[in-house]
Amino acid sequence: MSNDASTTPKRCGYVGIVGRPNVGKSTLLNYLLGQKIAITSRKPQTTRHNMLGIKTEGNTQAIYVDTPGIHAGKQYALNRYLNREASRVFKETDLLVFIVDRMKWTDEDEIVLDKLKQFRRPVILGINKVDQIEDKTQLLPYLESISKKMDFAAIVPLSALKSQNLGPLEQEIMSRLPEQPFYFPEDQLTDRSERFMAAELVREKITRQLGDELPYRMTVDIEQFEERNNCLHINAVIYVERDSQKGILLGEDGSRIRLLGTEARKDMETLFDSKVMLSMWVKVKKGWSDDERAMRRLGYLD
C-alpha cells in the first residue's frame, strides 16, 4: 500500500511549553518555528501572554503554546494573571514539554512538577542550555536522578539557542500528536494580531535595555496601527507606574526613547515586511499592575 501524503493520516494537537521563568521557553518556540514570534530577554517574566506558534510540515501540525513562567509570587494582580495564563495549558493541551535549565533544579521547578503530576497526558522533559554545562560527565547522573521525579514520556537534553538536539525533541512531540485534521491553515504561523506583535517588540527592547533599572510593572498599548501610502503608521504608549520611571524611559533630552524606538522599528519592518513610522509616548498609570480593571483595558484578558 502506498504511504504517500494522501494516505498518511494527519496529526494535529496543542503542545504546551511550560516551566519556571527564564528557562528558555520563548527561545525554544522561536527556533522550533524557524522564525521569531515570541519576544525574549534574560529577564524573568518577559513572556506575559499565552501565544500560539503553529508549525505545519507534511501531514503534521504542532500548535505550540508558549506560556509565562510559573512562579511563586502572587502579590500583584499581574503575577496572579501570569500564573493563571500558564496554568491554562494543563487543561487545554494534548501534551506538554516541561523545560528546565540544565542542572539547576529550583523550588519553582518543583511547583511546576506538582502541577504536571495532575496532567493525564504525555509530558516530555526538555533539559535546556546543556551547551553551558562545563563537565559533561555530570549530565548522565543528573538525567538518571531527574527521571525518578516523574514518569516522563521522554527526556531530551537540548540547547534552544544553539539549535542542538531540537530534531529529536520534535520527533518525540510529533509521534504523540493525535490523529485528526488540522485546526489552522497550513500557512498560519500564530494566533496573535500584528498590533499585539508590535506592542511586544516595543516591550522587548525596553526589557532588554532597562531590565535592571525599570521594574516589570511596565506595559505597552498600541493606540494606532494603520497602513497609509505603503507605510505602517504605529503609535505606541508605554505605561509605567511612577514619574521616576517615566524619566528613565525618556532619558536625557529624549535620547533613550529615541534609541528604543529605532530598535523596535527595525524589528517591525522585518516582521511586517513594510516601512514603519513608529511614534512612542510614555504615560504614568499608577498601580495598573495591581488593578484588574486597568489590566483588562490594557489587554490582559483571561
Protein backbone atom coordinates (compact mmCIF):
# COMPACT_ATOMS: atom_id res chain seq x y z
CA MET A 1 0.00 0.00 0.00
CA SER A 2 1.23 3.47 -0.80
CA ASN A 3 2.24 5.61 2.20
CA ASP A 4 2.25 8.98 0.47
CA ALA A 5 0.89 12.27 1.83
CA SER A 6 -2.62 11.50 0.56
CA THR A 7 -2.96 8.26 2.55
CA THR A 8 -0.96 9.06 5.70
CA PRO A 9 -3.36 10.26 8.39
CA LYS A 10 -2.94 13.82 9.59
CA ARG A 11 -1.73 14.51 13.09
CA CYS A 12 -2.57 17.73 14.91
CA GLY A 13 -2.52 18.87 18.50
CA TYR A 14 -1.73 21.51 21.09
CA VAL A 15 1.70 21.32 22.73
CA GLY A 16 2.19 23.41 25.87
CA ILE A 17 5.70 24.67 26.66
CA VAL A 18 5.86 25.12 30.43
CA GLY A 19 8.42 25.81 33.14
CA ARG A 20 9.53 28.40 35.63
CA PRO A 21 10.58 31.88 34.42
CA ASN A 22 13.69 32.38 32.31
CA VAL A 23 14.44 28.79 31.30
CA GLY A 24 14.24 29.49 27.54
CA LYS A 25 10.64 28.62 26.63
CA SER A 26 10.18 31.51 24.18
CA THR A 27 13.61 30.96 22.63
CA LEU A 28 12.70 27.31 22.08
CA LEU A 29 9.42 28.29 20.39
CA ASN A 30 11.20 30.67 18.00
CA TYR A 31 13.79 28.09 17.00
CA LEU A 32 11.21 25.33 16.54
CA LEU A 33 9.26 27.61 14.20
CA GLY A 34 12.36 28.92 12.44
CA GLN A 35 11.04 32.47 12.89
CA LYS A 36 10.86 34.91 15.76
CA ILE A 37 7.33 35.46 17.04
CA ALA A 38 7.93 35.47 20.81
CA ILE A 39 9.98 38.19 22.47
CA THR A 40 12.95 37.14 24.59
CA SER A 41 15.29 38.60 27.16
CA ARG A 42 17.41 37.38 30.05
CA LYS A 43 14.93 38.87 32.50
CA PRO A 44 12.29 36.67 34.17
CA GLN A 45 8.63 37.25 33.31
CA THR A 46 9.36 38.60 29.83
CA THR A 47 6.51 36.44 28.48
CA ARG A 48 3.14 37.68 29.76
CA HIS A 49 0.58 36.04 27.48
CA ASN A 50 -0.01 32.57 26.12
CA MET A 51 0.91 32.65 22.44
CA LEU A 52 0.35 30.03 19.74
CA GLY A 53 3.14 29.19 17.35
CA ILE A 54 1.88 26.93 14.56
CA LYS A 55 4.23 24.62 12.65
CA THR A 56 2.84 22.59 9.77
CA GLU A 57 5.05 20.08 7.96
CA GLY A 58 3.66 17.43 5.67
CA ASN A 59 0.82 15.68 7.47
CA THR A 60 1.64 17.07 10.91
CA GLN A 61 0.58 20.32 12.60
CA ALA A 62 2.00 21.12 16.02
CA ILE A 63 0.34 24.07 17.76
CA TYR A 64 2.87 25.20 20.33
CA VAL A 65 1.61 27.24 23.29
CA ASP A 66 4.30 29.48 24.77
CA THR A 67 3.43 30.37 28.36
CA PRO A 68 4.57 32.78 31.08
CA GLY A 69 6.87 31.22 33.65
CA ILE A 70 5.06 29.66 36.60
CA HIS A 71 6.43 31.32 39.73
CA ALA A 72 5.80 31.65 43.45
CA GLY A 73 4.99 35.39 43.50
CA LYS A 74 1.28 36.20 43.88
CA GLN A 75 1.40 39.63 45.48
CA TYR A 76 0.25 41.65 42.45
CA ALA A 77 -2.68 41.15 40.11
CA LEU A 78 -0.14 40.89 37.28
CA ASN A 79 1.64 37.97 38.99
CA ARG A 80 -1.65 36.19 39.55
CA TYR A 81 -2.60 36.75 35.90
CA LEU A 82 0.71 35.28 34.69
CA ASN A 83 0.24 32.14 36.76
CA ARG A 84 -3.36 31.75 35.58
CA GLU A 85 -2.29 32.11 31.93
CA ALA A 86 0.42 29.48 32.33
CA SER A 87 -1.86 27.10 34.23
CA ARG A 88 -4.49 27.10 31.45
CA VAL A 89 -2.32 24.82 29.30
CA PHE A 90 -2.72 21.99 31.82
CA LYS A 91 -6.38 21.80 30.79
CA GLU A 92 -6.20 22.66 27.10
CA THR A 93 -3.27 20.79 25.54
CA ASP A 94 -2.64 17.30 24.19
CA LEU A 95 0.87 17.07 25.61
CA LEU A 96 3.35 19.22 27.49
CA VAL A 97 7.04 19.99 27.14
CA PHE A 98 8.49 20.81 30.58
CA ILE A 99 11.62 22.94 30.18
CA VAL A 100 14.22 23.11 32.94
CA ASP A 101 17.56 24.94 32.99
CA ARG A 102 20.39 22.38 32.66
CA MET A 103 21.32 21.23 36.22
CA LYS A 104 19.59 23.99 38.21
CA TRP A 105 16.54 22.45 39.89
CA THR A 106 14.71 25.06 41.98
CA ASP A 107 11.65 25.39 44.23
CA GLU A 108 9.76 26.90 41.28
CA ASP A 109 10.61 23.83 39.16
CA GLU A 110 9.05 21.81 41.96
CA ILE A 111 5.87 23.95 41.78
CA VAL A 112 5.59 23.17 38.06
CA LEU A 113 6.27 19.48 38.68
CA ASP A 114 3.44 19.30 41.23
CA LYS A 115 1.05 20.65 38.58
CA LEU A 116 2.38 18.21 35.99
CA LYS A 117 1.60 15.24 38.22
CA GLN A 118 -2.11 16.07 37.79
CA PHE A 119 -1.77 16.14 33.97
CA ARG A 120 -3.05 12.88 32.47
CA ARG A 121 -1.39 13.21 29.08
CA PRO A 122 2.24 12.80 27.94
CA VAL A 123 4.91 15.08 29.42
CA ILE A 124 8.28 15.43 27.70
CA LEU A 125 11.12 16.84 29.80
CA GLY A 126 13.47 19.17 27.93
CA ILE A 127 16.71 19.97 29.71
CA ASN A 128 17.79 23.26 28.14
CA LYS A 129 21.16 25.04 27.91
CA VAL A 130 23.18 21.81 28.13
CA ASP A 131 25.82 23.54 25.98
CA GLN A 132 26.65 25.57 29.10
CA ILE A 133 27.47 22.51 31.22
CA GLU A 134 31.26 22.52 31.58
CA ASP A 135 31.64 18.97 32.90
CA LYS A 136 29.51 16.86 30.57
CA THR A 137 30.15 13.73 32.66
CA GLN A 138 27.71 15.17 35.22
CA LEU A 139 24.83 15.11 32.74
CA LEU A 140 24.07 11.37 32.73
CA PRO A 141 23.82 11.02 36.54
CA TYR A 142 21.60 14.12 36.57
CA LEU A 143 19.34 12.62 33.88
CA GLU A 144 19.03 9.46 35.95
CA SER A 145 18.11 11.35 39.11
CA ILE A 146 15.60 13.67 37.44
CA SER A 147 13.89 10.76 35.66
CA LYS A 148 12.79 9.49 39.08
CA LYS A 149 10.78 12.64 39.78
CA MET A 150 8.01 11.64 37.38
CA ASP A 151 7.18 9.14 34.65
CA PHE A 152 8.17 11.36 31.72
CA ALA A 153 7.25 10.23 28.20
CA ALA A 154 10.79 11.20 27.10
CA ILE A 155 13.78 13.18 28.36
CA VAL A 156 15.66 15.29 25.81
CA PRO A 157 18.82 17.30 26.60
CA LEU A 158 18.98 20.30 24.26
CA SER A 159 20.11 23.85 23.61
CA ALA A 160 17.37 26.03 22.14
CA LEU A 161 19.71 28.95 21.46
CA LYS A 162 22.27 26.74 19.69
CA SER A 163 19.58 24.63 17.94
CA GLN A 164 21.11 21.49 19.41
CA ASN A 165 19.00 18.32 19.59
CA LEU A 166 15.79 20.05 18.51
CA GLY A 167 15.20 17.35 15.86
CA PRO A 168 14.88 14.54 18.42
CA LEU A 169 12.61 16.74 20.55
CA GLU A 170 10.33 17.40 17.57
CA GLN A 171 10.22 13.68 16.75
CA GLU A 172 9.10 12.90 20.29
CA ILE A 173 6.40 15.58 20.02
CA MET A 174 5.12 14.69 16.55
CA SER A 175 4.82 10.98 17.32
CA ARG A 176 2.45 11.77 20.19
CA LEU A 177 0.07 14.16 18.42
CA PRO A 178 -3.48 12.84 17.96
CA GLU A 179 -4.63 11.68 14.53
CA GLN A 180 -7.09 14.38 13.44
CA PRO A 181 -7.48 17.14 10.83
CA PHE A 182 -5.52 20.39 11.07
CA TYR A 183 -7.02 23.16 13.17
CA PHE A 184 -5.34 26.02 11.31
CA PRO A 185 -4.48 26.86 7.68
CA GLU A 186 -1.12 25.40 6.70
CA ASP A 187 0.47 28.84 6.17
CA GLN A 188 -0.65 30.36 9.51
CA LEU A 189 2.18 31.00 11.98
CA THR A 190 0.47 32.41 15.08
CA ASP A 191 -2.90 33.38 16.53
CA ARG A 192 -1.73 36.86 17.56
CA SER A 193 -2.50 40.08 15.66
CA GLU A 194 0.10 42.40 14.15
CA ARG A 195 -0.96 45.04 16.68
CA PHE A 196 -0.12 42.64 19.54
CA MET A 197 3.23 41.75 17.94
CA ALA A 198 4.13 45.43 17.61
CA ALA A 199 3.45 46.04 21.31
CA GLU A 200 5.56 43.04 22.25
CA LEU A 201 8.53 44.24 20.20
CA VAL A 202 8.49 47.59 21.97
CA ARG A 203 8.29 45.84 25.35
CA GLU A 204 11.18 43.55 24.41
CA LYS A 205 13.50 46.49 23.68
CA ILE A 206 12.61 48.12 26.99
CA THR A 207 13.10 44.89 28.95
CA ARG A 208 16.45 44.20 27.33
CA GLN A 209 17.83 47.71 27.79
CA LEU A 210 16.29 48.68 31.10
CA GLY A 211 15.54 45.42 32.90
CA ASP A 212 17.65 46.34 35.91
CA GLU A 213 16.58 49.99 36.04
CA LEU A 214 12.88 49.67 35.24
CA PRO A 215 10.57 47.38 37.25
CA TYR A 216 8.46 44.83 35.42
CA ARG A 217 5.35 46.89 36.07
CA MET A 218 5.58 48.44 32.62
CA THR A 219 3.34 47.66 29.65
CA VAL A 220 2.76 48.81 26.07
CA ASP A 221 -0.50 49.67 24.31
CA ILE A 222 -0.78 50.23 20.54
CA GLU A 223 -3.24 53.08 20.02
CA GLN A 224 -2.88 53.26 16.23
CA PHE A 225 -1.91 50.64 13.65
CA GLU A 226 -2.81 51.51 10.08
CA GLU A 227 -1.30 51.41 6.62
CA ARG A 228 -1.08 54.60 4.57
CA ASN A 229 0.87 55.05 1.33
CA ASN A 230 2.67 51.68 1.68
CA CYS A 231 3.83 52.57 5.20
CA LEU A 232 2.60 51.29 8.57
CA HIS A 233 1.88 54.11 10.99
CA ILE A 234 2.12 52.79 14.55
CA ASN A 235 1.52 54.77 17.75
CA ALA A 236 2.68 53.07 20.94
CA VAL A 237 2.02 54.23 24.51
CA ILE A 238 4.29 52.88 27.24
CA TYR A 239 2.61 52.83 30.66
CA VAL A 240 4.66 52.96 33.86
CA GLU A 241 3.59 53.41 37.48
CA ARG A 242 5.78 56.31 38.67
CA ASP A 243 7.08 59.61 37.34
CA SER A 244 10.66 58.50 38.05
CA GLN A 245 10.16 55.52 35.73
CA LYS A 246 8.95 57.85 33.00
CA GLY A 247 12.18 59.83 33.32
CA ILE A 248 14.26 56.66 32.99
CA LEU A 249 12.42 55.69 29.80
CA LEU A 250 12.69 59.10 28.21
CA GLY A 251 16.39 59.58 29.03
CA GLU A 252 18.24 62.84 28.76
CA ASP A 253 16.53 65.05 26.17
CA GLY A 254 14.56 62.00 24.96
CA SER A 255 17.70 60.08 23.95
CA ARG A 256 16.64 56.77 25.49
CA ILE A 257 13.19 56.57 23.95
CA ARG A 258 14.58 57.53 20.53
CA LEU A 259 17.04 54.63 20.72
CA LEU A 260 14.31 52.23 21.85
CA GLY A 261 12.09 53.42 19.01
CA THR A 262 14.81 52.94 16.40
CA GLU A 263 15.47 49.35 17.52
CA ALA A 264 11.77 48.46 17.72
CA ARG A 265 11.06 49.98 14.31
CA LYS A 266 13.82 47.91 12.64
CA ASP A 267 12.36 44.68 14.03
CA MET A 268 8.86 45.71 12.99
CA GLU A 269 9.98 46.38 9.42
CA THR A 270 11.50 42.89 9.30
CA LEU A 271 8.45 41.22 10.83
CA PHE A 272 5.83 43.08 8.80
CA ASP A 273 7.93 43.38 5.62
CA SER A 274 6.95 47.03 5.35
CA LYS A 275 8.26 50.51 6.02
CA VAL A 276 7.21 51.58 9.53
CA MET A 277 6.64 55.03 11.02
CA LEU A 278 6.74 54.47 14.79
CA SER A 279 5.76 57.11 17.37
CA MET A 280 6.06 56.42 21.10
CA TRP A 281 4.86 58.17 24.25
CA VAL A 282 5.32 57.41 27.95
CA LYS A 283 2.42 57.83 30.36
CA VAL A 284 2.10 57.24 34.11
CA LYS A 285 -0.81 54.99 35.19
CA LYS A 286 -0.30 54.47 38.89
CA GLY A 287 -0.99 50.99 40.25
CA TRP A 288 -2.07 49.44 36.93
CA SER A 289 -0.30 46.12 37.64
CA ASP A 290 -2.43 45.54 40.76
CA ASP A 291 -5.72 46.74 39.25
CA GLU A 292 -7.70 44.00 37.50
CA ARG A 293 -9.89 46.52 35.64
CA ALA A 294 -6.91 48.53 34.35
CA MET A 295 -5.20 45.30 33.26
CA ARG A 296 -8.24 44.25 31.23
CA ARG A 297 -8.26 47.63 29.47
CA LEU A 298 -4.60 47.08 28.62
CA GLY A 299 -5.20 43.68 27.04
CA TYR A 300 -4.63 41.30 29.96
CA LEU A 301 -7.69 39.12 29.49
CA ASP A 302 -8.35 35.67 30.95
